[in-house]
């Protein structure tokens, strides 16, 4: 059984080492590349395969990451080798998933999703982002989506916070108010 707390400790340790080596961003790029390419599952299967010799596993990891010439790649190579040697490869996906979140948290950055009914002009988007940042007292990285069913307004969510300022929701509230108050 994997422990989320153990994965978070590994991710925090990885972040601490990356910061001490001044390669937190380079490591983030490497992690993003692994996640984007979809190689993480294949790598975990290889590292867990008892038929593949340890030296061969380490050679594959070195070729994948250390050969990139990036500081983050060398650190990721060492980290994966450490997890493999300690028998903790099962934590790899969780650690690599947590690392960007921990880095954002440390930098005071919050990721959020802004859903609007139609495309926003850049200045309108910037004003909304500035108001959200002021309200949350931290920097926000916005991903924008469109949902014509909103009719207008927006919905902002971070995973723990949701602000629904859509016309669809306001119309639903008004409808409920009208239903609850008898006419006449």
N, C-alpha and C. Protein backbone atom coordinates (compact mmCIF):
# COMPACT_ATOMS: atom_id res chain seq x y z
N UNK A 1 0.85 -1.17 0.00
CA UNK A 1 0.00 0.00 0.00
C UNK A 1 0.90 1.24 0.00
N UNK A 2 0.57 2.21 -0.85
CA UNK A 2 1.33 3.46 -0.92
C UNK A 2 0.73 4.45 0.06
N UNK A 3 1.59 5.28 0.59
CA UNK A 3 1.17 6.32 1.52
C UNK A 3 1.30 7.68 0.86
N UNK A 4 0.21 8.43 0.90
CA UNK A 4 0.25 9.78 0.35
C UNK A 4 1.21 10.67 1.13
N UNK A 5 1.30 10.43 2.44
CA UNK A 5 2.22 11.22 3.27
C UNK A 5 3.67 10.94 2.87
N UNK A 6 3.98 9.68 2.59
CA UNK A 6 5.35 9.33 2.18
C UNK A 6 5.67 9.97 0.83
N UNK A 7 4.72 9.93 -0.09
CA UNK A 7 4.94 10.55 -1.41
C UNK A 7 5.16 12.05 -1.26
N UNK A 8 4.41 12.67 -0.36
CA UNK A 8 4.58 14.11 -0.16
C UNK A 8 5.94 14.41 0.48
N UNK A 9 6.40 13.56 1.39
CA UNK A 9 7.74 13.76 1.97
C UNK A 9 8.81 13.64 0.91
N UNK A 10 8.68 12.64 0.03
CA UNK A 10 9.65 12.49 -1.07
C UNK A 10 9.61 13.71 -1.99
N UNK A 11 8.41 14.18 -2.32
CA UNK A 11 8.28 15.35 -3.20
C UNK A 11 8.89 16.58 -2.54
N UNK A 12 8.65 16.75 -1.25
CA UNK A 12 9.22 17.90 -0.54
C UNK A 12 10.74 17.80 -0.49
N UNK A 13 11.26 16.60 -0.27
CA UNK A 13 12.71 16.41 -0.26
C UNK A 13 13.30 16.73 -1.64
N UNK A 14 12.62 16.27 -2.68
CA UNK A 14 13.07 16.55 -4.04
C UNK A 14 13.08 18.06 -4.30
N UNK A 15 12.04 18.75 -3.85
CA UNK A 15 11.97 20.20 -4.01
C UNK A 15 13.10 20.89 -3.24
N UNK A 16 13.37 20.43 -2.03
CA UNK A 16 14.44 21.04 -1.22
C UNK A 16 15.80 20.89 -1.90
N UNK A 17 16.07 19.71 -2.44
CA UNK A 17 17.34 19.49 -3.14
C UNK A 17 17.40 20.34 -4.41
N UNK A 18 16.30 20.39 -5.14
CA UNK A 18 16.26 21.18 -6.38
C UNK A 18 16.52 22.66 -6.08
N UNK A 19 15.93 23.17 -5.00
CA UNK A 19 16.17 24.56 -4.62
C UNK A 19 17.62 24.77 -4.22
N UNK A 20 18.18 23.83 -3.48
CA UNK A 20 19.57 23.98 -3.05
C UNK A 20 20.54 23.95 -4.23
N UNK A 21 20.15 23.26 -5.30
CA UNK A 21 20.97 23.20 -6.50
C UNK A 21 20.54 24.24 -7.54
N UNK A 22 19.59 25.08 -7.16
CA UNK A 22 19.08 26.14 -8.03
C UNK A 22 18.58 25.59 -9.37
N UNK A 23 17.85 24.48 -9.28
CA UNK A 23 17.32 23.90 -10.53
C UNK A 23 15.85 23.49 -10.38
N UNK A 24 15.10 24.19 -9.51
CA UNK A 24 13.69 23.85 -9.30
C UNK A 24 12.89 23.98 -10.59
N UNK A 25 13.15 25.03 -11.36
CA UNK A 25 12.42 25.22 -12.62
C UNK A 25 12.85 24.23 -13.68
N UNK A 26 14.15 23.94 -13.74
CA UNK A 26 14.64 22.95 -14.71
C UNK A 26 14.05 21.58 -14.41
N UNK A 27 13.93 21.25 -13.14
CA UNK A 27 13.33 19.97 -12.76
C UNK A 27 11.85 19.96 -13.13
N UNK A 28 11.18 21.08 -12.93
CA UNK A 28 9.76 21.18 -13.31
C UNK A 28 9.58 20.91 -14.80
N UNK A 29 10.49 21.43 -15.61
CA UNK A 29 10.44 21.20 -17.06
C UNK A 29 10.61 19.71 -17.36
N UNK A 30 11.56 19.08 -16.70
CA UNK A 30 11.80 17.64 -16.92
C UNK A 30 10.58 16.82 -16.51
N UNK A 31 9.99 17.15 -15.38
CA UNK A 31 8.80 16.43 -14.90
C UNK A 31 7.65 16.64 -15.88
N UNK A 32 7.49 17.87 -16.36
CA UNK A 32 6.44 18.15 -17.34
C UNK A 32 6.63 17.35 -18.61
N UNK A 33 7.87 17.20 -19.03
CA UNK A 33 8.18 16.43 -20.24
C UNK A 33 7.81 14.96 -20.06
N UNK A 34 8.16 14.40 -18.90
CA UNK A 34 7.84 12.99 -18.62
C UNK A 34 6.32 12.80 -18.61
N UNK A 35 5.62 13.72 -17.96
CA UNK A 35 4.16 13.61 -17.88
C UNK A 35 3.52 13.78 -19.25
N UNK A 36 4.02 14.74 -20.04
CA UNK A 36 3.46 15.02 -21.36
C UNK A 36 3.68 13.86 -22.32
N UNK A 37 4.87 13.27 -22.26
CA UNK A 37 5.19 12.18 -23.18
C UNK A 37 4.50 10.87 -22.81
N UNK A 38 3.95 10.78 -21.60
CA UNK A 38 3.26 9.58 -21.17
C UNK A 38 4.20 8.41 -20.91
N UNK A 39 5.46 8.71 -20.62
CA UNK A 39 6.44 7.64 -20.40
C UNK A 39 6.51 7.17 -18.96
N UNK A 40 5.80 7.79 -18.07
CA UNK A 40 5.91 7.47 -16.66
C UNK A 40 5.48 6.03 -16.36
N UNK A 41 4.37 5.60 -16.94
CA UNK A 41 3.88 4.24 -16.68
C UNK A 41 4.87 3.21 -17.23
N UNK A 42 5.38 3.46 -18.43
CA UNK A 42 6.36 2.54 -19.02
C UNK A 42 7.63 2.47 -18.19
N UNK A 43 8.07 3.61 -17.71
CA UNK A 43 9.27 3.66 -16.88
C UNK A 43 9.05 2.90 -15.57
N UNK A 44 7.90 3.11 -14.95
CA UNK A 44 7.61 2.40 -13.69
C UNK A 44 7.56 0.89 -13.92
N UNK A 45 6.96 0.46 -15.03
CA UNK A 45 6.92 -0.99 -15.33
C UNK A 45 8.33 -1.54 -15.51
N UNK A 46 9.17 -0.81 -16.22
CA UNK A 46 10.55 -1.24 -16.42
C UNK A 46 11.29 -1.34 -15.09
N UNK A 47 11.14 -0.32 -14.26
CA UNK A 47 11.85 -0.29 -12.98
C UNK A 47 11.35 -1.36 -12.01
N UNK A 48 10.12 -1.78 -12.17
CA UNK A 48 9.56 -2.83 -11.30
C UNK A 48 9.74 -4.23 -11.87
N UNK A 49 10.24 -4.35 -13.09
CA UNK A 49 10.37 -5.65 -13.75
C UNK A 49 11.57 -6.41 -13.17
N UNK A 50 11.31 -7.55 -12.54
CA UNK A 50 12.41 -8.31 -11.94
C UNK A 50 13.31 -8.97 -12.99
N UNK A 51 12.86 -9.07 -14.22
CA UNK A 51 13.66 -9.70 -15.27
C UNK A 51 14.74 -8.77 -15.84
N UNK A 52 14.61 -7.48 -15.56
CA UNK A 52 15.59 -6.51 -16.06
C UNK A 52 16.63 -6.28 -14.96
N UNK A 53 17.89 -6.41 -15.32
CA UNK A 53 18.98 -6.25 -14.36
C UNK A 53 19.05 -4.82 -13.84
N UNK A 54 19.51 -4.66 -12.60
CA UNK A 54 19.61 -3.34 -11.97
C UNK A 54 20.48 -2.40 -12.78
N UNK A 55 21.60 -2.90 -13.28
CA UNK A 55 22.50 -2.05 -14.07
C UNK A 55 21.80 -1.55 -15.33
N UNK A 56 21.00 -2.39 -15.93
CA UNK A 56 20.28 -2.00 -17.15
C UNK A 56 19.22 -0.94 -16.83
N UNK A 57 18.54 -1.10 -15.70
CA UNK A 57 17.54 -0.11 -15.28
C UNK A 57 18.19 1.25 -15.07
N UNK A 58 19.33 1.25 -14.39
CA UNK A 58 20.01 2.51 -14.13
C UNK A 58 20.53 3.14 -15.43
N UNK A 59 20.95 2.30 -16.35
CA UNK A 59 21.44 2.81 -17.64
C UNK A 59 20.29 3.47 -18.41
N UNK A 60 19.12 2.88 -18.37
CA UNK A 60 17.95 3.46 -19.06
C UNK A 60 17.60 4.81 -18.43
N UNK A 61 17.57 4.87 -17.11
CA UNK A 61 17.24 6.12 -16.42
C UNK A 61 18.27 7.19 -16.75
N UNK A 62 19.56 6.84 -16.76
CA UNK A 62 20.60 7.80 -17.12
C UNK A 62 20.42 8.31 -18.54
N UNK A 63 20.11 7.38 -19.47
CA UNK A 63 19.91 7.80 -20.87
C UNK A 63 18.72 8.73 -21.00
N UNK A 64 17.66 8.45 -20.24
CA UNK A 64 16.45 9.27 -20.35
C UNK A 64 16.63 10.67 -19.77
N UNK A 65 17.31 10.76 -18.64
CA UNK A 65 17.33 12.04 -17.92
C UNK A 65 18.70 12.68 -17.82
N UNK A 66 19.71 11.92 -17.47
CA UNK A 66 21.01 12.51 -17.24
C UNK A 66 21.64 12.98 -18.54
N UNK A 67 21.31 12.34 -19.63
CA UNK A 67 21.88 12.69 -20.92
C UNK A 67 21.29 13.92 -21.55
N UNK A 68 20.32 14.54 -20.88
CA UNK A 68 19.68 15.73 -21.45
C UNK A 68 20.56 16.96 -21.34
N UNK A 69 21.56 16.91 -20.46
CA UNK A 69 22.42 18.07 -20.26
C UNK A 69 21.79 19.11 -19.35
N UNK A 70 20.59 18.87 -18.90
CA UNK A 70 19.89 19.78 -18.00
C UNK A 70 20.18 19.39 -16.55
N UNK A 71 20.34 20.39 -15.69
CA UNK A 71 20.56 20.13 -14.26
C UNK A 71 19.38 19.37 -13.69
N UNK A 72 18.18 19.74 -14.09
CA UNK A 72 16.99 19.05 -13.60
C UNK A 72 16.97 17.60 -14.01
N UNK A 73 17.48 17.30 -15.19
CA UNK A 73 17.53 15.91 -15.65
C UNK A 73 18.47 15.07 -14.81
N UNK A 74 19.63 15.64 -14.45
CA UNK A 74 20.58 14.91 -13.61
C UNK A 74 19.99 14.64 -12.24
N UNK A 75 19.30 15.63 -11.67
CA UNK A 75 18.67 15.46 -10.36
C UNK A 75 17.56 14.42 -10.44
N UNK A 76 16.75 14.47 -11.48
CA UNK A 76 15.67 13.50 -11.64
C UNK A 76 16.24 12.09 -11.80
N UNK A 77 17.33 11.98 -12.53
CA UNK A 77 18.00 10.69 -12.70
C UNK A 77 18.44 10.13 -11.34
N UNK A 78 19.09 10.96 -10.54
CA UNK A 78 19.53 10.53 -9.20
C UNK A 78 18.35 10.16 -8.32
N UNK A 79 17.28 10.95 -8.40
CA UNK A 79 16.11 10.70 -7.55
C UNK A 79 15.44 9.38 -7.92
N UNK A 80 15.26 9.13 -9.20
CA UNK A 80 14.62 7.88 -9.63
C UNK A 80 15.49 6.69 -9.25
N UNK A 81 16.81 6.85 -9.39
CA UNK A 81 17.72 5.77 -9.00
C UNK A 81 17.60 5.50 -7.50
N UNK A 82 17.49 6.55 -6.70
CA UNK A 82 17.32 6.39 -5.25
C UNK A 82 16.02 5.65 -4.94
N UNK A 83 14.92 6.07 -5.58
CA UNK A 83 13.64 5.39 -5.34
C UNK A 83 13.73 3.91 -5.72
N UNK A 84 14.39 3.62 -6.83
CA UNK A 84 14.51 2.23 -7.26
C UNK A 84 15.32 1.42 -6.26
N UNK A 85 16.43 1.96 -5.82
CA UNK A 85 17.29 1.24 -4.87
C UNK A 85 16.61 1.02 -3.53
N UNK A 86 15.74 1.94 -3.14
CA UNK A 86 15.02 1.81 -1.86
C UNK A 86 13.72 1.01 -2.01
N UNK A 87 13.42 0.57 -3.23
CA UNK A 87 12.19 -0.19 -3.46
C UNK A 87 10.94 0.67 -3.37
N UNK A 88 11.06 1.93 -3.74
CA UNK A 88 9.94 2.88 -3.63
C UNK A 88 9.46 3.42 -4.97
N UNK A 89 9.66 2.66 -6.03
CA UNK A 89 9.25 3.13 -7.36
C UNK A 89 7.75 3.38 -7.42
N UNK A 90 6.98 2.71 -6.59
CA UNK A 90 5.53 2.90 -6.58
C UNK A 90 5.15 4.34 -6.25
N UNK A 91 6.04 5.07 -5.60
CA UNK A 91 5.76 6.46 -5.23
C UNK A 91 6.07 7.44 -6.36
N UNK A 92 6.76 7.00 -7.38
CA UNK A 92 7.27 7.91 -8.41
C UNK A 92 6.18 8.78 -9.03
N UNK A 93 5.10 8.20 -9.48
CA UNK A 93 4.04 8.98 -10.14
C UNK A 93 3.44 10.01 -9.18
N UNK A 94 3.21 9.61 -7.94
CA UNK A 94 2.65 10.54 -6.96
C UNK A 94 3.61 11.69 -6.66
N UNK A 95 4.90 11.37 -6.53
CA UNK A 95 5.90 12.39 -6.24
C UNK A 95 5.98 13.39 -7.39
N UNK A 96 6.02 12.89 -8.62
CA UNK A 96 6.12 13.78 -9.77
C UNK A 96 4.85 14.60 -9.97
N UNK A 97 3.73 14.08 -9.51
CA UNK A 97 2.47 14.82 -9.57
C UNK A 97 2.44 15.92 -8.49
N UNK A 98 3.01 15.63 -7.33
CA UNK A 98 2.99 16.58 -6.22
C UNK A 98 4.02 17.71 -6.37
N UNK A 99 5.13 17.42 -7.01
CA UNK A 99 6.22 18.39 -7.09
C UNK A 99 5.76 19.76 -7.61
N UNK A 100 5.05 19.85 -8.74
CA UNK A 100 4.62 21.18 -9.22
C UNK A 100 3.71 21.89 -8.23
N UNK A 101 2.87 21.15 -7.54
CA UNK A 101 1.97 21.77 -6.56
C UNK A 101 2.76 22.35 -5.39
N UNK A 102 3.74 21.57 -4.90
CA UNK A 102 4.56 22.06 -3.80
C UNK A 102 5.36 23.29 -4.20
N UNK A 103 5.88 23.28 -5.42
CA UNK A 103 6.63 24.43 -5.92
C UNK A 103 5.72 25.66 -6.02
N UNK A 104 4.51 25.48 -6.54
CA UNK A 104 3.56 26.59 -6.62
C UNK A 104 3.20 27.11 -5.23
N UNK A 105 2.95 26.18 -4.30
CA UNK A 105 2.58 26.58 -2.94
C UNK A 105 3.71 27.41 -2.32
N UNK A 106 4.93 26.95 -2.49
CA UNK A 106 6.08 27.67 -1.94
C UNK A 106 6.22 29.06 -2.55
N UNK A 107 5.91 29.20 -3.80
CA UNK A 107 6.02 30.49 -4.49
C UNK A 107 4.79 31.37 -4.28
N UNK A 108 3.78 30.84 -3.59
CA UNK A 108 2.57 31.61 -3.35
C UNK A 108 1.70 31.73 -4.58
N UNK A 109 1.76 30.74 -5.46
CA UNK A 109 0.98 30.75 -6.69
C UNK A 109 -0.18 29.77 -6.57
N UNK A 110 -1.35 30.19 -7.00
CA UNK A 110 -2.53 29.33 -6.99
C UNK A 110 -2.98 29.12 -8.43
N UNK A 111 -3.21 27.86 -8.80
CA UNK A 111 -3.74 27.59 -10.14
C UNK A 111 -5.25 27.58 -10.07
N UNK A 112 -5.87 28.14 -11.08
CA UNK A 112 -7.32 28.20 -11.10
C UNK A 112 -7.85 28.06 -12.51
N UNK A 113 -9.11 27.70 -12.59
CA UNK A 113 -9.78 27.55 -13.87
C UNK A 113 -10.89 28.58 -13.96
N UNK A 114 -10.85 29.36 -15.02
CA UNK A 114 -11.86 30.38 -15.27
C UNK A 114 -12.70 29.91 -16.45
N UNK A 115 -13.98 29.72 -16.21
CA UNK A 115 -14.89 29.28 -17.26
C UNK A 115 -15.80 30.45 -17.61
N UNK A 116 -15.85 30.78 -18.89
CA UNK A 116 -16.64 31.91 -19.37
C UNK A 116 -17.53 31.43 -20.52
N UNK A 117 -18.53 32.24 -20.84
CA UNK A 117 -19.47 31.86 -21.90
C UNK A 117 -18.91 32.10 -23.29
N UNK A 118 -18.02 33.05 -23.41
CA UNK A 118 -17.48 33.42 -24.72
C UNK A 118 -16.02 33.86 -24.52
N UNK A 119 -15.25 33.94 -25.58
CA UNK A 119 -13.85 34.34 -25.44
C UNK A 119 -13.73 35.74 -24.84
N UNK A 120 -12.76 35.89 -23.94
CA UNK A 120 -12.54 37.19 -23.30
C UNK A 120 -11.43 37.96 -24.01
N UNK A 121 -11.60 39.25 -24.06
CA UNK A 121 -10.52 40.11 -24.52
C UNK A 121 -9.41 40.04 -23.48
N UNK A 122 -8.16 40.14 -23.89
CA UNK A 122 -7.05 40.05 -22.93
C UNK A 122 -7.13 41.04 -21.76
N UNK A 123 -7.59 42.27 -22.04
CA UNK A 123 -7.67 43.25 -20.94
C UNK A 123 -8.75 42.88 -19.93
N UNK A 124 -9.85 42.29 -20.39
CA UNK A 124 -10.92 41.85 -19.48
C UNK A 124 -10.42 40.68 -18.64
N UNK A 125 -9.75 39.76 -19.28
CA UNK A 125 -9.18 38.61 -18.56
C UNK A 125 -8.19 39.09 -17.50
N UNK A 126 -7.35 40.04 -17.87
CA UNK A 126 -6.36 40.57 -16.93
C UNK A 126 -7.03 41.26 -15.74
N UNK A 127 -8.13 42.00 -15.99
CA UNK A 127 -8.85 42.67 -14.89
C UNK A 127 -9.47 41.64 -13.96
N UNK A 128 -10.06 40.59 -14.52
CA UNK A 128 -10.64 39.53 -13.68
C UNK A 128 -9.54 38.87 -12.86
N UNK A 129 -8.42 38.56 -13.51
CA UNK A 129 -7.32 37.92 -12.80
C UNK A 129 -6.80 38.82 -11.68
N UNK A 130 -6.67 40.11 -11.93
CA UNK A 130 -6.19 41.04 -10.90
C UNK A 130 -7.15 41.08 -9.71
N UNK A 131 -8.46 41.08 -9.97
CA UNK A 131 -9.44 41.09 -8.88
C UNK A 131 -9.39 39.80 -8.08
N UNK A 132 -9.23 38.66 -8.78
CA UNK A 132 -9.13 37.38 -8.08
C UNK A 132 -7.86 37.31 -7.24
N UNK A 133 -6.75 37.79 -7.80
CA UNK A 133 -5.48 37.79 -7.06
C UNK A 133 -5.57 38.67 -5.82
N UNK A 134 -6.22 39.83 -5.96
CA UNK A 134 -6.38 40.73 -4.81
C UNK A 134 -7.24 40.07 -3.74
N UNK A 135 -8.30 39.40 -4.16
CA UNK A 135 -9.19 38.74 -3.20
C UNK A 135 -8.54 37.56 -2.49
N UNK A 136 -7.66 36.85 -3.21
CA UNK A 136 -7.02 35.67 -2.62
C UNK A 136 -5.65 36.01 -2.02
N UNK A 137 -5.15 37.21 -2.25
CA UNK A 137 -3.85 37.66 -1.75
C UNK A 137 -2.72 36.75 -2.18
N UNK A 138 -2.78 36.31 -3.43
CA UNK A 138 -1.69 35.51 -4.01
C UNK A 138 -1.79 35.55 -5.52
N UNK A 139 -0.68 35.19 -6.16
CA UNK A 139 -0.66 35.15 -7.62
C UNK A 139 -1.51 33.96 -8.10
N UNK A 140 -2.17 34.15 -9.23
CA UNK A 140 -3.02 33.10 -9.79
C UNK A 140 -2.60 32.83 -11.23
N UNK A 141 -2.48 31.56 -11.55
CA UNK A 141 -2.25 31.15 -12.93
C UNK A 141 -3.60 30.64 -13.43
N UNK A 142 -4.16 31.34 -14.42
CA UNK A 142 -5.51 30.99 -14.92
C UNK A 142 -5.44 30.12 -16.17
N UNK A 143 -6.25 29.09 -16.17
CA UNK A 143 -6.55 28.32 -17.37
C UNK A 143 -7.98 28.68 -17.73
N UNK A 144 -8.21 29.08 -18.95
CA UNK A 144 -9.54 29.53 -19.36
C UNK A 144 -10.24 28.49 -20.23
N UNK A 145 -11.52 28.29 -19.96
CA UNK A 145 -12.39 27.40 -20.73
C UNK A 145 -13.61 28.21 -21.17
N UNK A 146 -14.32 27.67 -22.14
CA UNK A 146 -15.57 28.28 -22.58
C UNK A 146 -16.72 27.30 -22.40
N UNK A 147 -17.84 27.81 -21.92
CA UNK A 147 -19.06 27.03 -21.77
C UNK A 147 -20.23 27.95 -22.10
N UNK A 148 -20.76 27.86 -23.32
CA UNK A 148 -21.84 28.76 -23.73
C UNK A 148 -23.09 28.65 -22.85
N UNK A 149 -23.25 27.54 -22.14
CA UNK A 149 -24.41 27.37 -21.27
C UNK A 149 -24.41 28.35 -20.09
N UNK A 150 -23.27 28.98 -19.80
CA UNK A 150 -23.22 29.94 -18.69
C UNK A 150 -24.01 31.21 -19.02
N UNK A 151 -24.20 31.48 -20.29
CA UNK A 151 -24.92 32.65 -20.81
C UNK A 151 -24.10 33.93 -20.66
N UNK A 152 -23.38 34.10 -19.59
CA UNK A 152 -22.56 35.28 -19.33
C UNK A 152 -21.93 35.14 -17.96
N UNK A 153 -21.08 36.08 -17.59
CA UNK A 153 -20.41 35.99 -16.31
C UNK A 153 -19.28 34.97 -16.37
N UNK A 154 -18.93 34.41 -15.21
CA UNK A 154 -17.85 33.43 -15.17
C UNK A 154 -18.00 32.52 -13.96
N UNK A 155 -17.26 31.42 -14.00
CA UNK A 155 -17.11 30.52 -12.86
C UNK A 155 -15.61 30.34 -12.67
N UNK A 156 -15.15 30.59 -11.44
CA UNK A 156 -13.73 30.42 -11.11
C UNK A 156 -13.62 29.33 -10.06
N UNK A 157 -12.68 28.39 -10.28
CA UNK A 157 -12.47 27.34 -9.28
C UNK A 157 -10.99 27.00 -9.17
N UNK A 158 -10.60 26.60 -7.96
CA UNK A 158 -9.22 26.20 -7.71
C UNK A 158 -9.12 24.76 -7.24
N UNK A 159 -10.21 24.12 -7.01
CA UNK A 159 -10.20 22.79 -6.42
C UNK A 159 -10.75 22.86 -5.01
N UNK A 160 -10.46 23.95 -4.29
CA UNK A 160 -10.99 24.13 -2.94
C UNK A 160 -11.91 25.35 -2.86
N UNK A 161 -11.81 26.22 -3.83
CA UNK A 161 -12.62 27.45 -3.86
C UNK A 161 -13.39 27.50 -5.17
N UNK A 162 -14.66 27.95 -5.08
CA UNK A 162 -15.44 28.12 -6.30
C UNK A 162 -16.23 29.42 -6.18
N UNK A 163 -16.10 30.25 -7.20
CA UNK A 163 -16.85 31.49 -7.28
C UNK A 163 -17.70 31.39 -8.54
N UNK A 164 -19.01 31.33 -8.36
CA UNK A 164 -19.91 31.21 -9.50
C UNK A 164 -20.62 32.54 -9.70
N UNK A 165 -20.16 33.30 -10.66
CA UNK A 165 -20.76 34.59 -10.99
C UNK A 165 -21.36 34.52 -12.39
N UNK A 166 -21.99 33.38 -12.69
CA UNK A 166 -22.57 33.20 -14.03
C UNK A 166 -24.02 33.64 -14.05
N UNK A 167 -24.47 34.04 -15.20
CA UNK A 167 -25.86 34.45 -15.38
C UNK A 167 -26.77 33.24 -15.18
N UNK A 168 -26.34 32.07 -15.63
CA UNK A 168 -27.15 30.85 -15.46
C UNK A 168 -27.47 30.62 -13.99
N UNK A 169 -26.48 30.76 -13.11
CA UNK A 169 -26.69 30.56 -11.68
C UNK A 169 -27.59 31.65 -11.10
N UNK A 170 -27.38 32.88 -11.52
CA UNK A 170 -28.21 33.99 -11.02
C UNK A 170 -29.67 33.80 -11.44
N UNK A 171 -29.90 33.34 -12.67
CA UNK A 171 -31.27 33.07 -13.12
C UNK A 171 -31.90 31.93 -12.31
N UNK A 172 -31.12 30.91 -11.99
CA UNK A 172 -31.63 29.81 -11.17
C UNK A 172 -32.00 30.30 -9.78
N UNK A 173 -31.18 31.18 -9.18
CA UNK A 173 -31.48 31.74 -7.86
C UNK A 173 -32.76 32.59 -7.91
N UNK A 174 -32.87 33.41 -8.94
CA UNK A 174 -34.06 34.25 -9.09
C UNK A 174 -35.30 33.38 -9.25
N UNK A 175 -35.20 32.32 -10.01
CA UNK A 175 -36.32 31.40 -10.21
C UNK A 175 -36.76 30.78 -8.88
N UNK A 176 -35.81 30.38 -8.06
CA UNK A 176 -36.12 29.80 -6.75
C UNK A 176 -36.79 30.83 -5.84
N UNK A 177 -36.31 32.08 -5.89
CA UNK A 177 -36.94 33.13 -5.09
C UNK A 177 -38.38 33.35 -5.51
N UNK A 178 -38.60 33.39 -6.83
CA UNK A 178 -39.96 33.61 -7.33
C UNK A 178 -40.89 32.47 -6.95
N UNK A 179 -40.38 31.26 -6.96
CA UNK A 179 -41.19 30.09 -6.59
C UNK A 179 -41.56 30.10 -5.11
N UNK A 180 -40.68 30.64 -4.27
CA UNK A 180 -40.92 30.60 -2.83
C UNK A 180 -41.80 31.72 -2.32
N UNK A 181 -42.01 32.75 -3.12
CA UNK A 181 -42.87 33.86 -2.71
C UNK A 181 -44.17 33.81 -3.48
N UNK A 182 -45.30 33.62 -2.76
CA UNK A 182 -46.60 33.55 -3.46
C UNK A 182 -46.99 34.91 -4.06
N UNK A 183 -47.64 34.84 -5.18
CA UNK A 183 -48.09 36.05 -5.87
C UNK A 183 -49.48 36.40 -5.36
N UNK A 184 -49.70 37.68 -5.06
CA UNK A 184 -51.02 38.14 -4.76
C UNK A 184 -51.26 38.35 -3.38
